[in-house]
Amino acid sequence: MDVDDFYQILIDRGILTPPADPDDDPHELILAHLQISLQQAEAGDLKPISELWDSLDD
């Protein structure tokens, strides 16, 4: 399950409260994404910087 989907389930069940500003990511979600990114880096699952924004053009 995606971290964002799991976070939304927690909000829907009243376990977490959404941020006051919908454009702001809550600290828990930022930390979860950071943890996933660090795990990917440790596993060698890296992408060249030149490819980071390729999927945004689609």
Protein backbone atom coordinates (compact mmCIF):
# COMPACT_ATOMS: atom_id res chain seq x y z
CA MET A 1 0.00 0.00 0.00
CA ASP A 2 1.24 3.47 -0.84
CA VAL A 3 2.21 5.69 2.11
CA ASP A 4 -0.14 8.45 0.96
CA ASP A 5 -3.08 6.02 0.76
CA PHE A 6 -2.30 4.64 4.21
CA TYR A 7 -2.09 8.17 5.63
CA GLN A 8 -5.49 8.98 4.11
CA ILE A 9 -7.00 5.90 5.76
CA LEU A 10 -5.66 7.09 9.12
CA ILE A 11 -7.26 10.49 8.57
CA ASP A 12 -10.56 8.93 7.48
CA ARG A 13 -10.67 6.80 10.64
CA GLY A 14 -9.92 9.78 12.88
CA ILE A 15 -6.53 8.44 14.00
CA LEU A 16 -4.67 11.44 12.56
CA THR A 17 -5.91 14.94 11.85
CA PRO A 18 -5.28 16.52 8.46
CA PRO A 19 -3.14 19.66 8.26
CA ALA A 20 -4.93 23.01 8.46
CA ASP A 21 -3.52 23.99 5.05
CA PRO A 22 -4.25 21.29 2.45
CA ASP A 23 -1.06 22.26 0.56
CA ASP A 24 1.11 21.40 3.57
CA ASP A 25 2.19 17.81 4.09
CA PRO A 26 2.02 16.76 7.74
CA HIS A 27 5.25 15.92 9.52
CA GLU A 28 4.36 12.22 9.82
CA LEU A 29 3.94 11.91 6.06
CA ILE A 30 7.17 13.78 5.32
CA LEU A 31 9.06 11.52 7.73
CA ALA A 32 7.52 8.39 6.19
CA HIS A 33 8.59 9.49 2.70
CA LEU A 34 12.07 10.32 3.97
CA GLN A 35 12.38 6.89 5.60
CA ILE A 36 11.32 5.16 2.37
CA SER A 37 13.80 7.27 0.39
CA LEU A 38 16.64 6.38 2.74
CA GLN A 39 15.78 2.67 2.51
CA GLN A 40 15.79 2.89 -1.28
CA ALA A 41 19.16 4.67 -1.25
CA GLU A 42 20.66 2.05 1.07
CA ALA A 43 19.36 -0.70 -1.24
CA GLY A 44 20.97 1.01 -4.24
CA ASP A 45 17.63 1.85 -5.84
CA LEU A 46 18.81 5.18 -7.20
CA LYS A 47 17.91 7.18 -10.31
CA PRO A 48 20.10 9.70 -12.10
CA ILE A 49 19.13 13.31 -11.48
CA SER A 50 18.61 13.74 -15.22
CA GLU A 51 15.63 11.34 -15.01
CA LEU A 52 13.90 12.78 -11.94
CA TRP A 53 11.39 14.93 -13.81
CA ASP A 54 10.89 12.73 -16.91
CA SER A 55 7.56 11.33 -15.69
CA LEU A 56 6.15 14.83 -15.10
CA ASP A 57 6.01 15.49 -18.83
CA ASP A 58 3.54 12.63 -19.41
